[in-house]
Amino acid sequence: MTSISGVYFYYGRSSKILPRVLSSIHGLLGASLLLVAMLIWDNGLSSPEFELIYTWVFLLPLSSIIFSFVFFSGNKWLHLLQLVNLIGLAWCWFVGVMAVTGNWL
């Protein structure tokens, strides 16, 4: 997912940095959210109450994906990479929810 963010940032043709970052940060956000979830679990701070919060925070990478569909100025064929990104985000959410709640399969 972070590699896909790098591809989006590299191939974005916008001269303004903010739209370029916002349209390429989706993978980095998803990986960061998984890292935070694992740190919560590793430090013994897991709680079932975190499930809804963690799920809502996943709207950030999803909104970045939508932003990239609208404002990405590079080759539009790169949007096919979002299929891989969505699968990765789903996996990160699944594992992350188990980590933040402490309810592993």
N, C-alpha and C. Protein backbone atom coordinates (compact mmCIF):
# COMPACT_ATOMS: atom_id res chain seq x y z
N MET A 1 0.82 -1.19 0.00
CA MET A 1 0.00 0.00 0.00
C MET A 1 0.87 1.26 0.00
N THR A 2 1.95 1.21 0.75
CA THR A 2 2.82 2.39 0.77
C THR A 2 3.51 2.58 -0.58
N SER A 3 3.77 1.48 -1.28
CA SER A 3 4.37 1.59 -2.62
C SER A 3 3.40 2.26 -3.58
N ILE A 4 2.13 1.93 -3.46
CA ILE A 4 1.12 2.55 -4.32
C ILE A 4 1.04 4.04 -4.02
N SER A 5 1.15 4.42 -2.76
CA SER A 5 1.18 5.84 -2.43
C SER A 5 2.37 6.52 -3.08
N GLY A 6 3.51 5.84 -3.07
CA GLY A 6 4.70 6.39 -3.71
C GLY A 6 4.53 6.57 -5.21
N VAL A 7 3.88 5.60 -5.84
CA VAL A 7 3.62 5.69 -7.29
C VAL A 7 2.71 6.87 -7.58
N TYR A 8 1.68 7.03 -6.80
CA TYR A 8 0.76 8.15 -6.99
C TYR A 8 1.47 9.49 -6.80
N PHE A 9 2.32 9.57 -5.78
CA PHE A 9 3.01 10.82 -5.54
C PHE A 9 4.01 11.12 -6.66
N TYR A 10 4.72 10.10 -7.12
CA TYR A 10 5.72 10.29 -8.16
C TYR A 10 5.09 10.71 -9.49
N TYR A 11 3.98 10.05 -9.86
CA TYR A 11 3.37 10.31 -11.16
C TYR A 11 2.33 11.43 -11.14
N GLY A 12 2.04 11.98 -10.00
CA GLY A 12 1.12 13.12 -9.94
C GLY A 12 1.77 14.33 -10.59
N ARG A 13 1.07 14.97 -11.47
CA ARG A 13 1.66 16.09 -12.22
C ARG A 13 1.33 17.44 -11.63
N SER A 14 0.62 17.45 -10.54
CA SER A 14 0.24 18.73 -9.94
C SER A 14 1.48 19.43 -9.40
N SER A 15 1.58 20.71 -9.69
CA SER A 15 2.72 21.47 -9.18
C SER A 15 2.50 21.87 -7.72
N LYS A 16 1.27 21.83 -7.28
CA LYS A 16 0.96 22.16 -5.89
C LYS A 16 1.11 20.90 -5.05
N ILE A 17 1.79 21.05 -3.94
CA ILE A 17 2.13 19.90 -3.11
C ILE A 17 0.93 19.32 -2.35
N LEU A 18 0.01 20.17 -1.88
CA LEU A 18 -1.10 19.68 -1.08
C LEU A 18 -2.03 18.73 -1.85
N PRO A 19 -2.49 19.07 -3.07
CA PRO A 19 -3.31 18.10 -3.79
C PRO A 19 -2.55 16.83 -4.13
N ARG A 20 -1.27 16.97 -4.38
CA ARG A 20 -0.44 15.81 -4.70
C ARG A 20 -0.33 14.87 -3.51
N VAL A 21 -0.14 15.43 -2.32
CA VAL A 21 -0.04 14.61 -1.11
C VAL A 21 -1.40 13.99 -0.78
N LEU A 22 -2.46 14.77 -0.85
CA LEU A 22 -3.79 14.26 -0.50
C LEU A 22 -4.26 13.15 -1.43
N SER A 23 -3.83 13.20 -2.68
CA SER A 23 -4.24 12.15 -3.61
C SER A 23 -3.31 10.95 -3.59
N SER A 24 -2.28 10.99 -2.77
CA SER A 24 -1.35 9.86 -2.74
C SER A 24 -1.12 9.29 -1.34
N ILE A 25 -1.81 9.77 -0.35
CA ILE A 25 -1.50 9.35 1.03
C ILE A 25 -2.31 8.14 1.50
N HIS A 26 -3.20 7.63 0.67
CA HIS A 26 -4.11 6.55 1.09
C HIS A 26 -3.40 5.32 1.61
N GLY A 27 -2.40 4.83 0.94
CA GLY A 27 -1.70 3.63 1.38
C GLY A 27 -0.90 3.85 2.64
N LEU A 28 -0.28 4.99 2.73
CA LEU A 28 0.50 5.33 3.91
C LEU A 28 -0.40 5.45 5.15
N LEU A 29 -1.58 6.02 4.97
CA LEU A 29 -2.54 6.11 6.08
C LEU A 29 -2.99 4.73 6.54
N GLY A 30 -3.31 3.87 5.59
CA GLY A 30 -3.76 2.52 5.95
C GLY A 30 -2.69 1.74 6.69
N ALA A 31 -1.45 1.81 6.22
CA ALA A 31 -0.36 1.11 6.89
C ALA A 31 -0.11 1.70 8.27
N SER A 32 -0.21 3.00 8.39
CA SER A 32 -0.01 3.67 9.68
C SER A 32 -1.09 3.27 10.67
N LEU A 33 -2.32 3.16 10.21
CA LEU A 33 -3.41 2.76 11.10
C LEU A 33 -3.21 1.34 11.62
N LEU A 34 -2.70 0.45 10.77
CA LEU A 34 -2.40 -0.90 11.22
C LEU A 34 -1.27 -0.88 12.24
N LEU A 35 -0.25 -0.07 12.00
CA LEU A 35 0.85 0.04 12.94
C LEU A 35 0.37 0.54 14.30
N VAL A 36 -0.48 1.54 14.30
CA VAL A 36 -1.03 2.07 15.56
C VAL A 36 -1.84 0.99 16.28
N ALA A 37 -2.63 0.24 15.53
CA ALA A 37 -3.43 -0.83 16.15
C ALA A 37 -2.53 -1.87 16.79
N MET A 38 -1.44 -2.23 16.11
CA MET A 38 -0.54 -3.23 16.67
C MET A 38 0.19 -2.69 17.90
N LEU A 39 0.50 -1.40 17.90
CA LEU A 39 1.12 -0.80 19.09
C LEU A 39 0.17 -0.76 20.27
N ILE A 40 -1.10 -0.49 20.00
CA ILE A 40 -2.12 -0.52 21.07
C ILE A 40 -2.19 -1.91 21.67
N TRP A 41 -2.23 -2.92 20.82
CA TRP A 41 -2.31 -4.31 21.30
C TRP A 41 -1.04 -4.70 22.06
N ASP A 42 0.12 -4.33 21.50
CA ASP A 42 1.39 -4.72 22.10
C ASP A 42 1.59 -4.10 23.48
N ASN A 43 1.04 -2.93 23.68
CA ASN A 43 1.17 -2.26 24.98
C ASN A 43 0.05 -2.61 25.95
N GLY A 44 -0.80 -3.55 25.58
CA GLY A 44 -1.85 -4.01 26.48
C GLY A 44 -2.99 -3.02 26.67
N LEU A 45 -3.20 -2.15 25.69
CA LEU A 45 -4.25 -1.13 25.80
C LEU A 45 -5.51 -1.48 25.02
N SER A 46 -5.60 -2.69 24.51
CA SER A 46 -6.76 -3.09 23.71
C SER A 46 -8.04 -3.02 24.51
N SER A 47 -9.12 -2.62 23.84
CA SER A 47 -10.43 -2.54 24.47
C SER A 47 -11.50 -2.67 23.39
N PRO A 48 -12.57 -3.41 23.66
CA PRO A 48 -13.64 -3.53 22.67
C PRO A 48 -14.26 -2.19 22.27
N GLU A 49 -14.10 -1.19 23.12
CA GLU A 49 -14.67 0.13 22.82
C GLU A 49 -13.96 0.83 21.67
N PHE A 50 -12.76 0.37 21.32
CA PHE A 50 -12.00 1.01 20.25
C PHE A 50 -12.44 0.58 18.84
N GLU A 51 -13.29 -0.44 18.74
CA GLU A 51 -13.67 -0.96 17.43
C GLU A 51 -14.34 0.10 16.55
N LEU A 52 -15.30 0.79 17.10
CA LEU A 52 -16.03 1.79 16.31
C LEU A 52 -15.13 2.96 15.93
N ILE A 53 -14.30 3.38 16.86
CA ILE A 53 -13.38 4.49 16.58
C ILE A 53 -12.42 4.10 15.46
N TYR A 54 -11.85 2.90 15.57
CA TYR A 54 -10.90 2.42 14.55
C TYR A 54 -11.58 2.32 13.18
N THR A 55 -12.80 1.87 13.17
CA THR A 55 -13.54 1.78 11.91
C THR A 55 -13.78 3.15 11.32
N TRP A 56 -14.16 4.11 12.12
CA TRP A 56 -14.41 5.47 11.62
C TRP A 56 -13.13 6.12 11.09
N VAL A 57 -12.01 5.85 11.74
CA VAL A 57 -10.75 6.44 11.29
C VAL A 57 -10.37 5.91 9.91
N PHE A 58 -10.84 4.74 9.56
CA PHE A 58 -10.55 4.19 8.23
C PHE A 58 -11.24 4.97 7.12
N LEU A 59 -12.07 5.92 7.47
CA LEU A 59 -12.63 6.80 6.44
C LEU A 59 -11.57 7.74 5.86
N LEU A 60 -10.49 7.97 6.59
CA LEU A 60 -9.42 8.84 6.09
C LEU A 60 -8.75 8.28 4.83
N PRO A 61 -8.24 7.04 4.85
CA PRO A 61 -7.66 6.54 3.60
C PRO A 61 -8.70 6.36 2.49
N LEU A 62 -9.92 6.02 2.86
CA LEU A 62 -10.96 5.89 1.83
C LEU A 62 -11.29 7.24 1.20
N SER A 63 -11.31 8.29 2.00
CA SER A 63 -11.56 9.61 1.43
C SER A 63 -10.39 10.07 0.57
N SER A 64 -9.18 9.67 0.91
CA SER A 64 -8.04 9.99 0.06
C SER A 64 -8.13 9.27 -1.28
N ILE A 65 -8.64 8.05 -1.28
CA ILE A 65 -8.83 7.33 -2.55
C ILE A 65 -9.85 8.07 -3.41
N ILE A 66 -10.95 8.48 -2.81
CA ILE A 66 -11.96 9.24 -3.56
C ILE A 66 -11.37 10.55 -4.06
N PHE A 67 -10.59 11.23 -3.23
CA PHE A 67 -9.93 12.47 -3.63
C PHE A 67 -9.02 12.22 -4.83
N SER A 68 -8.31 11.10 -4.82
CA SER A 68 -7.41 10.81 -5.93
C SER A 68 -8.17 10.55 -7.23
N PHE A 69 -9.35 9.94 -7.14
CA PHE A 69 -10.14 9.73 -8.35
C PHE A 69 -10.54 11.06 -8.99
N VAL A 70 -10.77 12.05 -8.17
CA VAL A 70 -11.24 13.34 -8.67
C VAL A 70 -10.08 14.26 -9.06
N PHE A 71 -9.05 14.34 -8.22
CA PHE A 71 -8.04 15.37 -8.39
C PHE A 71 -6.67 14.89 -8.87
N PHE A 72 -6.46 13.60 -9.04
CA PHE A 72 -5.17 13.11 -9.50
C PHE A 72 -4.95 13.56 -10.93
N SER A 73 -3.80 14.18 -11.18
CA SER A 73 -3.56 14.77 -12.50
C SER A 73 -2.68 13.90 -13.39
N GLY A 74 -2.27 12.74 -12.93
CA GLY A 74 -1.42 11.87 -13.73
C GLY A 74 -2.25 10.92 -14.58
N ASN A 75 -1.61 9.85 -15.01
CA ASN A 75 -2.24 8.83 -15.84
C ASN A 75 -3.39 8.16 -15.07
N LYS A 76 -4.56 8.22 -15.64
CA LYS A 76 -5.76 7.68 -14.96
C LYS A 76 -5.73 6.15 -14.85
N TRP A 77 -4.90 5.48 -15.64
CA TRP A 77 -4.80 4.03 -15.54
C TRP A 77 -4.21 3.59 -14.21
N LEU A 78 -3.52 4.49 -13.54
CA LEU A 78 -2.97 4.16 -12.22
C LEU A 78 -4.07 3.87 -11.20
N HIS A 79 -5.28 4.32 -11.48
CA HIS A 79 -6.38 4.07 -10.55
C HIS A 79 -6.69 2.58 -10.41
N LEU A 80 -6.23 1.77 -11.35
CA LEU A 80 -6.42 0.32 -11.21
C LEU A 80 -5.65 -0.21 -10.00
N LEU A 81 -4.61 0.50 -9.60
CA LEU A 81 -3.88 0.10 -8.39
C LEU A 81 -4.74 0.21 -7.14
N GLN A 82 -5.81 0.96 -7.21
CA GLN A 82 -6.68 1.11 -6.05
C GLN A 82 -7.39 -0.20 -5.70
N LEU A 83 -7.51 -1.10 -6.65
CA LEU A 83 -8.08 -2.42 -6.33
C LEU A 83 -7.18 -3.15 -5.33
N VAL A 84 -5.88 -3.11 -5.57
CA VAL A 84 -4.93 -3.72 -4.65
C VAL A 84 -4.96 -2.97 -3.31
N ASN A 85 -5.04 -1.66 -3.39
CA ASN A 85 -5.10 -0.84 -2.18
C ASN A 85 -6.34 -1.16 -1.34
N LEU A 86 -7.47 -1.32 -1.97
CA LEU A 86 -8.70 -1.63 -1.23
C LEU A 86 -8.62 -2.99 -0.55
N ILE A 87 -8.02 -3.95 -1.22
CA ILE A 87 -7.83 -5.27 -0.60
C ILE A 87 -6.89 -5.15 0.60
N GLY A 88 -5.83 -4.39 0.44
CA GLY A 88 -4.91 -4.16 1.55
C GLY A 88 -5.56 -3.42 2.70
N LEU A 89 -6.37 -2.42 2.39
CA LEU A 89 -7.07 -1.69 3.44
C LEU A 89 -8.06 -2.58 4.18
N ALA A 90 -8.74 -3.45 3.45
CA ALA A 90 -9.67 -4.38 4.10
C ALA A 90 -8.92 -5.31 5.06
N TRP A 91 -7.77 -5.79 4.62
CA TRP A 91 -6.96 -6.66 5.48
C TRP A 91 -6.47 -5.89 6.71
N CYS A 92 -5.99 -4.66 6.50
CA CYS A 92 -5.52 -3.84 7.62
C CYS A 92 -6.64 -3.55 8.61
N TRP A 93 -7.83 -3.30 8.10
CA TRP A 93 -8.96 -3.06 9.00
C TRP A 93 -9.28 -4.32 9.80
N PHE A 94 -9.31 -5.47 9.13
CA PHE A 94 -9.65 -6.73 9.77
C PHE A 94 -8.67 -7.06 10.89
N VAL A 95 -7.39 -7.01 10.58
CA VAL A 95 -6.36 -7.32 11.58
C VAL A 95 -6.33 -6.22 12.65
N GLY A 96 -6.48 -4.97 12.22
CA GLY A 96 -6.44 -3.86 13.16
C GLY A 96 -7.57 -3.89 14.16
N VAL A 97 -8.76 -4.24 13.73
CA VAL A 97 -9.89 -4.36 14.66
C VAL A 97 -9.64 -5.43 15.69
N MET A 98 -9.06 -6.55 15.25
CA MET A 98 -8.74 -7.59 16.22
C MET A 98 -7.70 -7.10 17.22
N ALA A 99 -6.74 -6.31 16.74
CA ALA A 99 -5.68 -5.81 17.62
C ALA A 99 -6.22 -4.78 18.62
N VAL A 100 -6.99 -3.82 18.16
CA VAL A 100 -7.45 -2.78 19.08
C VAL A 100 -8.48 -3.29 20.08
N THR A 101 -9.22 -4.32 19.70
CA THR A 101 -10.20 -4.87 20.63
C THR A 101 -9.62 -5.98 21.50
N GLY A 102 -8.55 -6.59 21.04
CA GLY A 102 -7.95 -7.71 21.76
C GLY A 102 -8.69 -9.00 21.54
N ASN A 103 -9.62 -9.04 20.61
CA ASN A 103 -10.40 -10.23 20.28
C ASN A 103 -9.86 -10.88 19.02
N TRP A 104 -8.88 -11.75 19.17
CA TRP A 104 -8.26 -12.41 18.02
C TRP A 104 -9.05 -13.66 17.68
N LEU A 105 -9.00 -14.04 16.42
CA LEU A 105 -9.66 -15.28 16.00
C LEU A 105 -9.05 -16.50 16.64
